[in-house]
Amino acid sequence: MGRSSEKHPGQADLSLFNEAELAAMQATLEEELDNTDEPVSDSATDADDAANPDAPDKAPPANPAKPRPRRVLPDHLERVRVTHELDEEHRHGRCGGQLMPIGEEITEQIGVIPARQFVIQHVKIKYACECKECGVKTALMPLQPLPGSQASPSILAYTMVAKLLDCLPLYRQEKIWAREGLDLSRSKLARWLIDRASLLQPLYNLMQEVFFAYDIAMSDDTGIQVLKEDGRSASSRSALWIRRGGAPETPVVLLDYNVSKGSAVASMLLEEFKGYLVVDAAPSFNAIVSKNELVTVLCNDHYLESFFITSDKPLSLSE
């Protein structure tokens, strides 16, 4: 009878869904072993020593292995000390004397406190004069990004970073908040972001100035389908226009939505740009390239495509 396997019949197939994770683990396994803080057997040895404090000291190995370097965690992280001491019954030596602390060994781990929710109460103190004839004055609270809303600046920033930087859709954020006992629907989160967009217009304008001040830029458009848009069918196509530029020390990435992928949109977004434009061979850029006398920088595929379309002579391999 052959050796039986304890593996679930479908377990091998599940690895297909973890291909990226398995590849990352395999690539870093050797580094993890080389940089591990302590040998694997240390924890078992420490447990035995704590259970049998009167056991004779073990002789060091004949050929001690070279100590592995410890990975130092960042200094800016707060250190929370958790002290482990021997129980009273184990604080006696073989001679019966009292064991006294002589030092300490420190092992560091990374800890985390999940996001903590709380309610900010803005208490506006009211004042009145002793004469009781001057009326009442109430202290003002700082100007809020969305007056009259329950959204604080911190929750707005948190939602924007999670969606736009961490690629966490609003429907997933809704489920995360629900686990914490908060009813924050995706429609409410979306309304917060839409209403707050106007506050970021000055920052957007500044980023555009940085974009147009440098002479190298990249632009492209990506077709998308918007399911619910006023006056348009769900099957209609729109576009996300991307502009990337700015000096190396101040890079800028701008993302604009438009219902069209036409040349009028490209001309509007690049109206003030002068210099070298990195694009594909889409005809939507031809008008602005001609108007502003831009130098187009194409990838090899699009350069060859453009060459064959515009050139009357055959292209030799030497070219």
C-alpha atoms as a PDB file:
ATOM      1  CA  MET A   1       0.000   0.000   0.000  1.00  0.00           C
ATOM      2  CA  GLY A   2       1.445   3.342  -1.011  1.00  0.00           C
ATOM      3  CA  ARG A   3       2.090   6.217   1.344  1.00  0.00           C
ATOM      4  CA  SER A   4      -1.081   8.153   2.025  1.00  0.00           C
ATOM      5  CA  SER A   5      -1.176  11.898   1.661  1.00  0.00           C
ATOM      6  CA  GLU A   6      -2.679  14.246   4.237  1.00  0.00           C
ATOM      7  CA  LYS A   7      -3.112  16.941   1.587  1.00  0.00           C
ATOM      8  CA  HIS A   8      -6.644  17.875   0.593  1.00  0.00           C
ATOM      9  CA  PRO A   9      -7.459  16.704  -2.973  1.00  0.00           C
ATOM     10  CA  GLY A  10      -7.976  20.269  -4.167  1.00  0.00           C
ATOM     11  CA  GLN A  11      -5.134  21.815  -2.192  1.00  0.00           C
ATOM     12  CA  ALA A  12      -2.666  21.766  -5.081  1.00  0.00           C
ATOM     13  CA  ASP A  13      -5.123  23.694  -7.231  1.00  0.00           C
ATOM     14  CA  LEU A  14      -5.414  26.436  -4.603  1.00  0.00           C
ATOM     15  CA  SER A  15      -1.765  27.355  -5.134  1.00  0.00           C
ATOM     16  CA  LEU A  16      -2.776  28.756  -8.509  1.00  0.00           C
ATOM     17  CA  PHE A  17      -4.584  31.557  -6.712  1.00  0.00           C
ATOM     18  CA  ASN A  18      -1.537  32.314  -4.546  1.00  0.00           C
ATOM     19  CA  GLU A  19       1.042  32.348  -7.324  1.00  0.00           C
ATOM     20  CA  ALA A  20       2.237  35.887  -6.646  1.00  0.00           C
ATOM     21  CA  GLU A  21       2.476  35.313  -2.900  1.00  0.00           C
ATOM     22  CA  LEU A  22       4.307  32.003  -3.327  1.00  0.00           C
ATOM     23  CA  ALA A  23       6.778  33.565  -5.755  1.00  0.00           C
ATOM     24  CA  ALA A  24       7.482  36.402  -3.343  1.00  0.00           C
ATOM     25  CA  MET A  25       7.977  33.963  -0.469  1.00  0.00           C
ATOM     26  CA  GLN A  26      10.365  31.829  -2.497  1.00  0.00           C
ATOM     27  CA  ALA A  27      12.368  34.852  -3.634  1.00  0.00           C
ATOM     28  CA  THR A  28      12.849  36.156  -0.094  1.00  0.00           C
ATOM     29  CA  LEU A  29      13.149  32.868   1.813  1.00  0.00           C
ATOM     30  CA  GLU A  30      16.941  32.815   1.695  1.00  0.00           C
ATOM     31  CA  GLU A  31      17.157  36.426   2.853  1.00  0.00           C
ATOM     32  CA  GLU A  32      14.781  35.723   5.735  1.00  0.00           C
ATOM     33  CA  LEU A  33      16.878  32.776   6.863  1.00  0.00           C
ATOM     34  CA  ASP A  34      20.120  34.737   6.632  1.00  0.00           C
ATOM     35  CA  ASN A  35      18.761  37.707   8.574  1.00  0.00           C
ATOM     36  CA  THR A  36      16.615  35.952  11.158  1.00  0.00           C
ATOM     37  CA  ASP A  37      16.914  37.416  14.616  1.00  0.00           C
ATOM     38  CA  GLU A  38      17.439  34.132  16.474  1.00  0.00           C
ATOM     39  CA  PRO A  39      17.935  30.455  15.595  1.00  0.00           C
ATOM     40  CA  VAL A  40      14.720  28.484  15.400  1.00  0.00           C
ATOM     41  CA  SER A  41      15.756  26.234  18.284  1.00  0.00           C
ATOM     42  CA  ASP A  42      16.267  29.129  20.720  1.00  0.00           C
ATOM     43  CA  SER A  43      12.602  29.375  21.688  1.00  0.00           C
ATOM     44  CA  ALA A  44      12.458  25.708  22.605  1.00  0.00           C
ATOM     45  CA  THR A  45      15.698  25.981  24.580  1.00  0.00           C
ATOM     46  CA  ASP A  46      14.453  29.011  26.505  1.00  0.00           C
ATOM     47  CA  ALA A  47      11.231  27.192  27.364  1.00  0.00           C
ATOM     48  CA  ASP A  48      13.173  24.183  28.681  1.00  0.00           C
ATOM     49  CA  ASP A  49      15.439  26.431  30.766  1.00  0.00           C
ATOM     50  CA  ALA A  50      12.458  28.216  32.312  1.00  0.00           C
ATOM     51  CA  ALA A  51      10.763  24.922  33.165  1.00  0.00           C
ATOM     52  CA  ASN A  52      13.972  23.402  34.614  1.00  0.00           C
ATOM     53  CA  PRO A  53      16.038  26.225  36.130  1.00  0.00           C
ATOM     54  CA  ASP A  54      18.117  23.747  38.180  1.00  0.00           C
ATOM     55  CA  ALA A  55      19.312  21.813  35.139  1.00  0.00           C
ATOM     56  CA  PRO A  56      23.110  21.939  34.599  1.00  0.00           C
ATOM     57  CA  ASP A  57      24.401  24.446  32.123  1.00  0.00           C
ATOM     58  CA  LYS A  58      24.847  23.061  28.647  1.00  0.00           C
ATOM     59  CA  ALA A  59      28.299  23.105  27.139  1.00  0.00           C
ATOM     60  CA  PRO A  60      28.714  25.448  24.151  1.00  0.00           C
ATOM     61  CA  PRO A  61      28.926  23.754  20.750  1.00  0.00           C
ATOM     62  CA  ALA A  62      32.373  22.745  19.586  1.00  0.00           C
ATOM     63  CA  ASN A  63      32.136  24.840  16.426  1.00  0.00           C
ATOM     64  CA  PRO A  64      29.798  27.734  17.171  1.00  0.00           C
ATOM     65  CA  ALA A  65      28.133  29.125  14.065  1.00  0.00           C
ATOM     66  CA  LYS A  66      28.860  32.678  13.034  1.00  0.00           C
ATOM     67  CA  PRO A  67      26.180  34.913  14.595  1.00  0.00           C
ATOM     68  CA  ARG A  68      23.693  36.222  12.105  1.00  0.00           C
ATOM     69  CA  PRO A  69      23.267  40.013  11.926  1.00  0.00           C
ATOM     70  CA  ARG A  70      20.122  41.342  13.527  1.00  0.00           C
ATOM     71  CA  ARG A  71      17.709  43.420  11.487  1.00  0.00           C
ATOM     72  CA  VAL A  72      17.265  46.716  13.286  1.00  0.00           C
ATOM     73  CA  LEU A  73      13.761  48.156  13.302  1.00  0.00           C
ATOM     74  CA  PRO A  74      13.410  51.908  12.586  1.00  0.00           C
ATOM     75  CA  ASP A  75      14.373  54.200  15.461  1.00  0.00           C
ATOM     76  CA  HIS A  76      11.369  56.488  14.970  1.00  0.00           C
ATOM     77  CA  LEU A  77       8.940  53.755  16.053  1.00  0.00           C
ATOM     78  CA  GLU A  78       7.736  53.917  19.642  1.00  0.00           C
ATOM     79  CA  ARG A  79       9.161  51.238  21.913  1.00  0.00           C
ATOM     80  CA  VAL A  80       6.653  49.513  24.237  1.00  0.00           C
ATOM     81  CA  ARG A  81       8.445  47.399  26.834  1.00  0.00           C
ATOM     82  CA  VAL A  82       6.888  44.082  27.836  1.00  0.00           C
ATOM     83  CA  THR A  83       8.998  42.627  30.677  1.00  0.00           C
ATOM     84  CA  HIS A  84       9.171  38.877  31.280  1.00  0.00           C
ATOM     85  CA  GLU A  85      10.434  37.708  34.698  1.00  0.00           C
ATOM     86  CA  LEU A  86      10.973  34.359  36.362  1.00  0.00           C
ATOM     87  CA  ASP A  87       8.268  33.188  38.711  1.00  0.00           C
ATOM     88  CA  GLU A  88       9.098  33.359  42.426  1.00  0.00           C
ATOM     89  CA  GLU A  89       9.477  29.587  42.641  1.00  0.00           C
ATOM     90  CA  HIS A  90      12.212  29.661  39.974  1.00  0.00           C
ATOM     91  CA  ARG A  91      14.255  32.528  41.472  1.00  0.00           C
ATOM     92  CA  HIS A  92      16.562  30.260  43.448  1.00  0.00           C
ATOM     93  CA  GLY A  93      19.920  28.832  42.436  1.00  0.00           C
ATOM     94  CA  ARG A  94      21.128  25.273  43.002  1.00  0.00           C
ATOM     95  CA  CYS A  95      22.706  26.394  46.269  1.00  0.00           C
ATOM     96  CA  GLY A  96      19.396  27.765  47.504  1.00  0.00           C
ATOM     97  CA  GLY A  97      20.435  31.408  47.159  1.00  0.00           C
ATOM     98  CA  GLN A  98      18.213  34.127  45.761  1.00  0.00           C
ATOM     99  CA  LEU A  99      18.646  34.903  42.037  1.00  0.00           C
ATOM    100  CA  MET A 100      19.116  38.615  41.356  1.00  0.00           C
ATOM    101  CA  PRO A 101      18.641  40.455  38.019  1.00  0.00           C
ATOM    102  CA  ILE A 102      22.018  41.064  36.309  1.00  0.00           C
ATOM    103  CA  GLY A 103      20.917  42.275  32.883  1.00  0.00           C
ATOM    104  CA  GLU A 104      18.389  41.788  30.141  1.00  0.00           C
ATOM    105  CA  GLU A 105      18.000  40.436  26.618  1.00  0.00           C
ATOM    106  CA  ILE A 106      15.804  42.365  24.213  1.00  0.00           C
ATOM    107  CA  THR A 107      13.955  40.910  21.233  1.00  0.00           C
ATOM    108  CA  GLU A 108      11.986  43.338  19.085  1.00  0.00           C
ATOM    109  CA  GLN A 109       8.796  42.694  17.130  1.00  0.00           C
ATOM    110  CA  ILE A 110       6.604  44.973  15.043  1.00  0.00           C
ATOM    111  CA  GLY A 111       3.263  45.810  16.657  1.00  0.00           C
ATOM    112  CA  VAL A 112       0.275  47.650  15.219  1.00  0.00           C
ATOM    113  CA  ILE A 113      -2.858  49.309  16.575  1.00  0.00           C
ATOM    114  CA  PRO A 114      -5.740  49.195  14.053  1.00  0.00           C
ATOM    115  CA  ALA A 115      -7.469  52.413  13.053  1.00  0.00           C
ATOM    116  CA  ARG A 116      -9.292  53.876  16.052  1.00  0.00           C
ATOM    117  CA  GLN A 117     -12.587  55.667  15.558  1.00  0.00           C
ATOM    118  CA  PHE A 118     -13.825  58.391  17.872  1.00  0.00           C
ATOM    119  CA  VAL A 119     -16.303  61.260  17.899  1.00  0.00           C
ATOM    120  CA  ILE A 120     -14.967  64.814  17.884  1.00  0.00           C
ATOM    121  CA  GLN A 121     -17.204  67.057  19.963  1.00  0.00           C
ATOM    122  CA  HIS A 122     -16.787  70.730  19.132  1.00  0.00           C
ATOM    123  CA  VAL A 123     -17.878  72.540  22.274  1.00  0.00           C
ATOM    124  CA  LYS A 124     -18.498  76.247  21.678  1.00  0.00           C
ATOM    125  CA  ILE A 125     -18.533  78.140  24.942  1.00  0.00           C
ATOM    126  CA  LYS A 126     -21.160  80.842  25.340  1.00  0.00           C
ATOM    127  CA  TYR A 127     -20.390  84.118  27.123  1.00  0.00           C
ATOM    128  CA  ALA A 128     -22.629  86.764  28.675  1.00  0.00           C
ATOM    129  CA  CYS A 129     -21.970  90.056  30.458  1.00  0.00           C
ATOM    130  CA  GLU A 130     -22.680  90.521  34.138  1.00  0.00           C
ATOM    131  CA  CYS A 131     -25.088  93.319  33.297  1.00  0.00           C
ATOM    132  CA  LYS A 132     -27.274  90.853  31.427  1.00  0.00           C
ATOM    133  CA  GLU A 133     -27.969  93.526  28.830  1.00  0.00           C
ATOM    134  CA  CYS A 134     -25.157  92.923  26.300  1.00  0.00           C
ATOM    135  CA  GLY A 135     -26.470  89.732  24.784  1.00  0.00           C
ATOM    136  CA  VAL A 136     -24.629  86.414  24.362  1.00  0.00           C
ATOM    137  CA  LYS A 137     -21.439  85.695  22.431  1.00  0.00           C
ATOM    138  CA  THR A 138     -20.540  82.192  21.322  1.00  0.00           C
ATOM    139  CA  ALA A 139     -16.995  81.101  20.481  1.00  0.00           C
ATOM    140  CA  LEU A 140     -16.386  80.177  16.850  1.00  0.00           C
ATOM    141  CA  MET A 141     -15.042  76.804  15.784  1.00  0.00           C
ATOM    142  CA  PRO A 142     -12.419  76.428  13.030  1.00  0.00           C
ATOM    143  CA  LEU A 143     -13.677  76.449   9.458  1.00  0.00           C
ATOM    144  CA  GLN A 144     -14.551  72.906   8.368  1.00  0.00           C
ATOM    145  CA  PRO A 145     -13.996  71.418   4.893  1.00  0.00           C
ATOM    146  CA  LEU A 146     -17.651  70.352   4.683  1.00  0.00           C
ATOM    147  CA  PRO A 147     -19.708  72.647   6.951  1.00  0.00           C
ATOM    148  CA  GLY A 148     -22.744  70.924   8.437  1.00  0.00           C
ATOM    149  CA  SER A 149     -21.342  67.465   7.684  1.00  0.00           C
ATOM    150  CA  GLN A 150     -20.288  64.769  10.135  1.00  0.00           C
ATOM    151  CA  ALA A 151     -17.058  64.349   8.154  1.00  0.00           C
ATOM    152  CA  SER A 152     -13.961  65.641   9.904  1.00  0.00           C
ATOM    153  CA  PRO A 153     -10.782  66.574   7.998  1.00  0.00           C
ATOM    154  CA  SER A 154      -9.137  63.365   9.254  1.00  0.00           C
ATOM    155  CA  ILE A 155     -11.843  61.001   7.957  1.00  0.00           C
ATOM    156  CA  LEU A 156     -11.882  62.809   4.611  1.00  0.00           C
ATOM    157  CA  ALA A 157      -8.114  62.491   4.240  1.00  0.00           C
ATOM    158  CA  TYR A 158      -8.254  58.855   5.360  1.00  0.00           C
ATOM    159  CA  THR A 159     -10.903  58.027   2.751  1.00  0.00           C
ATOM    160  CA  MET A 160      -9.033  59.774  -0.063  1.00  0.00           C
ATOM    161  CA  VAL A 161      -5.714  58.086   0.720  1.00  0.00           C
ATOM    162  CA  ALA A 162      -7.377  54.663   0.971  1.00  0.00           C
ATOM    163  CA  LYS A 163      -9.156  55.067  -2.367  1.00  0.00           C
ATOM    164  CA  LEU A 164      -6.687  56.991  -4.501  1.00  0.00           C
ATOM    165  CA  LEU A 165      -3.335  55.851  -3.095  1.00  0.00           C
ATOM    166  CA  ASP A 166      -4.080  52.398  -1.678  1.00  0.00           C
ATOM    167  CA  CYS A 167      -6.625  51.527  -4.433  1.00  0.00           C
ATOM    168  CA  LEU A 168      -9.286  50.576  -1.887  1.00  0.00           C
ATOM    169  CA  PRO A 169     -12.728  51.070  -3.508  1.00  0.00           C
ATOM    170  CA  LEU A 170     -15.463  52.761  -1.532  1.00  0.00           C
ATOM    171  CA  TYR A 171     -17.585  49.616  -1.346  1.00  0.00           C
ATOM    172  CA  ARG A 172     -14.737  47.853   0.437  1.00  0.00           C
ATOM    173  CA  GLN A 173     -14.249  50.801   2.765  1.00  0.00           C
ATOM    174  CA  GLU A 174     -17.971  50.584   3.536  1.00  0.00           C
ATOM    175  CA  LYS A 175     -17.546  46.959   4.645  1.00  0.00           C
ATOM    176  CA  ILE A 176     -14.457  47.776   6.714  1.00  0.00           C
ATOM    177  CA  TRP A 177     -16.307  50.511   8.599  1.00  0.00           C
ATOM    178  CA  ALA A 178     -19.291  48.207   9.076  1.00  0.00           C
ATOM    179  CA  ARG A 179     -17.056  45.743  10.918  1.00  0.00           C
ATOM    180  CA  GLU A 180     -16.211  48.564  13.296  1.00  0.00           C
ATOM    181  CA  GLY A 181     -19.887  49.350  13.888  1.00  0.00           C
ATOM    182  CA  LEU A 182     -19.992  52.474  11.696  1.00  0.00           C
ATOM    183  CA  ASP A 183     -22.653  53.014   9.053  1.00  0.00           C
ATOM    184  CA  LEU A 184     -20.698  54.780   6.296  1.00  0.00           C
ATOM    185  CA  SER A 185     -22.273  53.836   2.988  1.00  0.00           C
ATOM    186  CA  ARG A 186     -20.366  54.128  -0.244  1.00  0.00           C
ATOM    187  CA  SER A 187     -22.815  56.786  -1.433  1.00  0.00           C
ATOM    188  CA  LYS A 188     -22.032  58.913   1.614  1.00  0.00           C
ATOM    189  CA  LEU A 189     -18.284  58.432   1.163  1.00  0.00           C
ATOM    190  CA  ALA A 190     -18.605  59.310  -2.530  1.00  0.00           C
ATOM    191  CA  ARG A 191     -20.560  62.460  -1.726  1.00  0.00           C
ATOM    192  CA  TRP A 192     -17.879  63.533   0.740  1.00  0.00           C
ATOM    193  CA  LEU A 193     -15.165  63.143  -1.901  1.00  0.00           C
ATOM    194  CA  ILE A 194     -17.162  64.914  -4.601  1.00  0.00           C
ATOM    195  CA  ASP A 195     -18.055  67.843  -2.361  1.00  0.00           C
ATOM    196  CA  ARG A 196     -14.486  68.195  -1.175  1.00  0.00           C
ATOM    197  CA  ALA A 197     -12.981  68.217  -4.682  1.00  0.00           C
ATOM    198  CA  SER A 198     -13.578  71.968  -5.043  1.00  0.00           C
ATOM    199  CA  LEU A 199     -11.344  72.597  -2.019  1.00  0.00           C
ATOM    200  CA  LEU A 200      -8.435  70.983  -3.846  1.00  0.00           C
ATOM    201  CA  GLN A 201      -8.767  73.147  -6.969  1.00  0.00           C
ATOM    202  CA  PRO A 202      -5.956  75.550  -5.896  1.00  0.00           C
ATOM    203  CA  LEU A 203      -3.622  72.561  -5.431  1.00  0.00           C
ATOM    204  CA  TYR A 204      -4.621  71.215  -8.846  1.00  0.00           C
ATOM    205  CA  ASN A 205      -3.902  74.615 -10.422  1.00  0.00           C
ATOM    206  CA  LEU A 206      -0.458  74.692  -8.806  1.00  0.00           C
ATOM    207  CA  MET A 207       0.326  71.211 -10.110  1.00  0.00           C
ATOM    208  CA  GLN A 208      -0.660  72.326 -13.612  1.00  0.00           C
ATOM    209  CA  GLU A 209       1.739  75.257 -13.366  1.00  0.00           C
ATOM    210  CA  VAL A 210       4.547  72.878 -12.428  1.00  0.00           C
ATOM    211  CA  PHE A 211       3.562  70.614 -15.331  1.00  0.00           C
ATOM    212  CA  PHE A 212       3.660  73.387 -17.937  1.00  0.00           C
ATOM    213  CA  ALA A 213       6.901  74.875 -16.568  1.00  0.00           C
ATOM    214  CA  TYR A 214       8.986  71.876 -17.711  1.00  0.00           C
ATOM    215  CA  ASP A 215       9.716  70.951 -21.325  1.00  0.00           C
ATOM    216  CA  ILE A 216       9.298  67.154 -21.103  1.00  0.00           C
ATOM    217  CA  ALA A 217       5.891  65.577 -20.568  1.00  0.00           C
ATOM    218  CA  MET A 218       3.950  62.398 -21.201  1.00  0.00           C
ATOM    219  CA  SER A 219       0.267  62.067 -22.027  1.00  0.00           C
ATOM    220  CA  ASP A 220      -2.107  59.230 -22.803  1.00  0.00           C
ATOM    221  CA  ASP A 221      -5.787  58.407 -22.669  1.00  0.00           C
ATOM    222  CA  THR A 222      -7.471  55.248 -21.414  1.00  0.00           C
ATOM    223  CA  GLY A 223     -10.983  54.327 -22.415  1.00  0.00           C
ATOM    224  CA  ILE A 224     -13.403  53.507 -19.606  1.00  0.00           C
ATOM    225  CA  GLN A 225     -17.065  52.625 -19.339  1.00  0.00           C
ATOM    226  CA  VAL A 226     -19.252  54.571 -16.910  1.00  0.00           C
ATOM    227  CA  LEU A 227     -22.397  52.658 -15.994  1.00  0.00           C
ATOM    228  CA  LYS A 228     -24.483  55.482 -14.549  1.00  0.00           C
ATOM    229  CA  GLU A 229     -23.949  58.871 -16.138  1.00  0.00           C
ATOM    230  CA  ASP A 230     -26.615  61.473 -16.764  1.00  0.00           C
ATOM    231  CA  GLY A 231     -27.654  61.691 -20.393  1.00  0.00           C
ATOM    232  CA  ARG A 232     -25.508  58.761 -21.560  1.00  0.00           C
ATOM    233  CA  SER A 233     -26.149  55.062 -22.007  1.00  0.00           C
ATOM    234  CA  ALA A 234     -24.306  52.490 -19.913  1.00  0.00           C
ATOM    235  CA  SER A 235     -22.543  51.186 -23.031  1.00  0.00           C
ATOM    236  CA  SER A 236     -20.990  54.549 -23.942  1.00  0.00           C
ATOM    237  CA  ARG A 237     -17.243  55.001 -23.618  1.00  0.00           C
ATOM    238  CA  SER A 238     -15.417  57.803 -21.841  1.00  0.00           C
ATOM    239  CA  ALA A 239     -11.750  58.473 -21.209  1.00  0.00           C
ATOM    240  CA  LEU A 240      -9.278  59.107 -18.420  1.00  0.00           C
ATOM    241  CA  TRP A 241      -6.565  61.483 -19.634  1.00  0.00           C
ATOM    242  CA  ILE A 242      -3.201  61.213 -17.929  1.00  0.00           C
ATOM    243  CA  ARG A 243      -0.539  63.908 -17.979  1.00  0.00           C
ATOM    244  CA  ARG A 244       2.827  63.336 -16.367  1.00  0.00           C
ATOM    245  CA  GLY A 245       5.640  65.850 -16.249  1.00  0.00           C
ATOM    246  CA  GLY A 246       7.398  68.424 -14.154  1.00  0.00           C
ATOM    247  CA  ALA A 247      11.067  68.624 -13.234  1.00  0.00           C
ATOM    248  CA  PRO A 248      12.713  65.467 -11.831  1.00  0.00           C
ATOM    249  CA  GLU A 249      12.719  66.951  -8.334  1.00  0.00           C
ATOM    250  CA  THR A 250       9.029  67.977  -8.562  1.00  0.00           C
ATOM    251  CA  PRO A 251       7.217  65.291 -10.601  1.00  0.00           C
ATOM    252  CA  VAL A 252       3.538  65.827 -11.314  1.00  0.00           C
ATOM    253  CA  VAL A 253       0.821  63.368 -12.364  1.00  0.00           C
ATOM    254  CA  LEU A 254      -2.551  64.810 -13.426  1.00  0.00           C
ATOM    255  CA  LEU A 255      -5.654  62.725 -14.121  1.00  0.00           C
ATOM    256  CA  ASP A 256      -8.654  64.208 -15.932  1.00  0.00           C
ATOM    257  CA  TYR A 257     -11.986  62.661 -16.894  1.00  0.00           C
ATOM    258  CA  ASN A 258     -13.734  63.487 -20.145  1.00  0.00           C
ATOM    259  CA  VAL A 259     -16.490  61.917 -22.205  1.00  0.00           C
ATOM    260  CA  SER A 260     -14.342  62.205 -25.337  1.00  0.00           C
ATOM    261  CA  LYS A 261     -11.021  60.867 -26.597  1.00  0.00           C
ATOM    262  CA  GLY A 262     -10.891  63.441 -29.380  1.00  0.00           C
ATOM    263  CA  SER A 263      -8.219  65.933 -30.348  1.00  0.00           C
ATOM    264  CA  ALA A 264     -10.144  68.818 -28.779  1.00  0.00           C
ATOM    265  CA  VAL A 265      -9.566  67.356 -25.316  1.00  0.00           C
ATOM    266  CA  ALA A 266      -5.866  66.759 -25.952  1.00  0.00           C
ATOM    267  CA  SER A 267      -5.473  70.322 -27.230  1.00  0.00           C
ATOM    268  CA  MET A 268      -7.221  71.722 -24.169  1.00  0.00           C
ATOM    269  CA  LEU A 269      -5.129  69.738 -21.669  1.00  0.00           C
ATOM    270  CA  LEU A 270      -1.821  70.509 -23.416  1.00  0.00           C
ATOM    271  CA  GLU A 271      -2.648  74.030 -24.579  1.00  0.00           C
ATOM    272  CA  GLU A 272       0.229  75.707 -22.713  1.00  0.00           C
ATOM    273  CA  PHE A 273       2.826  72.967 -23.101  1.00  0.00           C
ATOM    274  CA  LYS A 274       6.014  73.498 -25.101  1.00  0.00           C
ATOM    275  CA  GLY A 275       8.803  70.977 -25.625  1.00  0.00           C
ATOM    276  CA  TYR A 276       9.065  67.201 -25.918  1.00  0.00           C
ATOM    277  CA  LEU A 277       5.852  65.178 -25.688  1.00  0.00           C
ATOM    278  CA  VAL A 278       6.027  61.433 -25.037  1.00  0.00           C
ATOM    279  CA  VAL A 279       2.894  59.907 -26.611  1.00  0.00           C
ATOM    280  CA  ASP A 280       1.723  57.036 -28.744  1.00  0.00           C
ATOM    281  CA  ALA A 281       0.674  57.464 -32.360  1.00  0.00           C
ATOM    282  CA  ALA A 282      -2.955  58.349 -31.537  1.00  0.00           C
ATOM    283  CA  PRO A 283      -4.224  60.989 -33.998  1.00  0.00           C
ATOM    284  CA  SER A 284      -5.857  62.895 -31.132  1.00  0.00           C
ATOM    285  CA  PHE A 285      -2.476  64.518 -30.374  1.00  0.00           C
ATOM    286  CA  ASN A 286      -1.741  65.649 -33.938  1.00  0.00           C
ATOM    287  CA  ALA A 287      -3.528  68.994 -33.652  1.00  0.00           C
ATOM    288  CA  ILE A 288      -1.738  70.200 -30.507  1.00  0.00           C
ATOM    289  CA  VAL A 289       1.594  68.867 -31.756  1.00  0.00           C
ATOM    290  CA  SER A 290       1.220  70.923 -34.920  1.00  0.00           C
ATOM    291  CA  LYS A 291      -0.122  74.039 -33.182  1.00  0.00           C
ATOM    292  CA  ASN A 292       2.558  74.225 -30.462  1.00  0.00           C
ATOM    293  CA  GLU A 293       5.330  72.743 -32.671  1.00  0.00           C
ATOM    294  CA  LEU A 294       5.955  69.989 -30.158  1.00  0.00           C
ATOM    295  CA  VAL A 295       8.618  67.329 -30.604  1.00  0.00           C
ATOM    296  CA  THR A 296       6.958  63.941 -30.277  1.00  0.00           C
ATOM    297  CA  VAL A 297       8.861  61.128 -28.599  1.00  0.00           C
ATOM    298  CA  LEU A 298       7.371  57.800 -29.643  1.00  0.00           C
ATOM    299  CA  CYS A 299       8.097  54.273 -28.481  1.00  0.00           C
ATOM    300  CA  ASN A 300       9.788  51.951 -30.988  1.00  0.00           C
ATOM    301  CA  ASP A 301       6.535  50.325 -32.135  1.00  0.00           C
ATOM    302  CA  HIS A 302       4.744  53.603 -32.763  1.00  0.00           C
ATOM    303  CA  TYR A 303       7.825  55.208 -34.290  1.00  0.00           C
ATOM    304  CA  LEU A 304       8.085  52.430 -36.872  1.00  0.00           C
ATOM    305  CA  GLU A 305       4.348  52.622 -37.511  1.00  0.00           C
ATOM    306  CA  SER A 306       4.586  56.372 -38.055  1.00  0.00           C
ATOM    307  CA  PHE A 307       7.648  55.961 -40.278  1.00  0.00           C
ATOM    308  CA  PHE A 308       5.973  53.469 -42.606  1.00  0.00           C
ATOM    309  CA  ILE A 309       2.890  55.667 -42.882  1.00  0.00           C
ATOM    310  CA  THR A 310       4.758  58.908 -43.655  1.00  0.00           C
ATOM    311  CA  SER A 311       7.840  57.653 -45.533  1.00  0.00           C
ATOM    312  CA  ASP A 312       7.935  56.807 -49.241  1.00  0.00           C
ATOM    313  CA  LYS A 313      11.190  54.834 -49.067  1.00  0.00           C
ATOM    314  CA  PRO A 314      11.653  51.364 -47.574  1.00  0.00           C
ATOM    315  CA  LEU A 315      13.276  51.155 -44.152  1.00  0.00           C
ATOM    316  CA  SER A 316      16.606  49.297 -44.086  1.00  0.00           C
ATOM    317  CA  LEU A 317      17.851  47.368 -41.051  1.00  0.00           C
ATOM    318  CA  SER A 318      20.733  49.824 -40.675  1.00  0.00           C
ATOM    319  CA  GLU A 319      18.245  52.612 -40.090  1.00  0.00           C
END
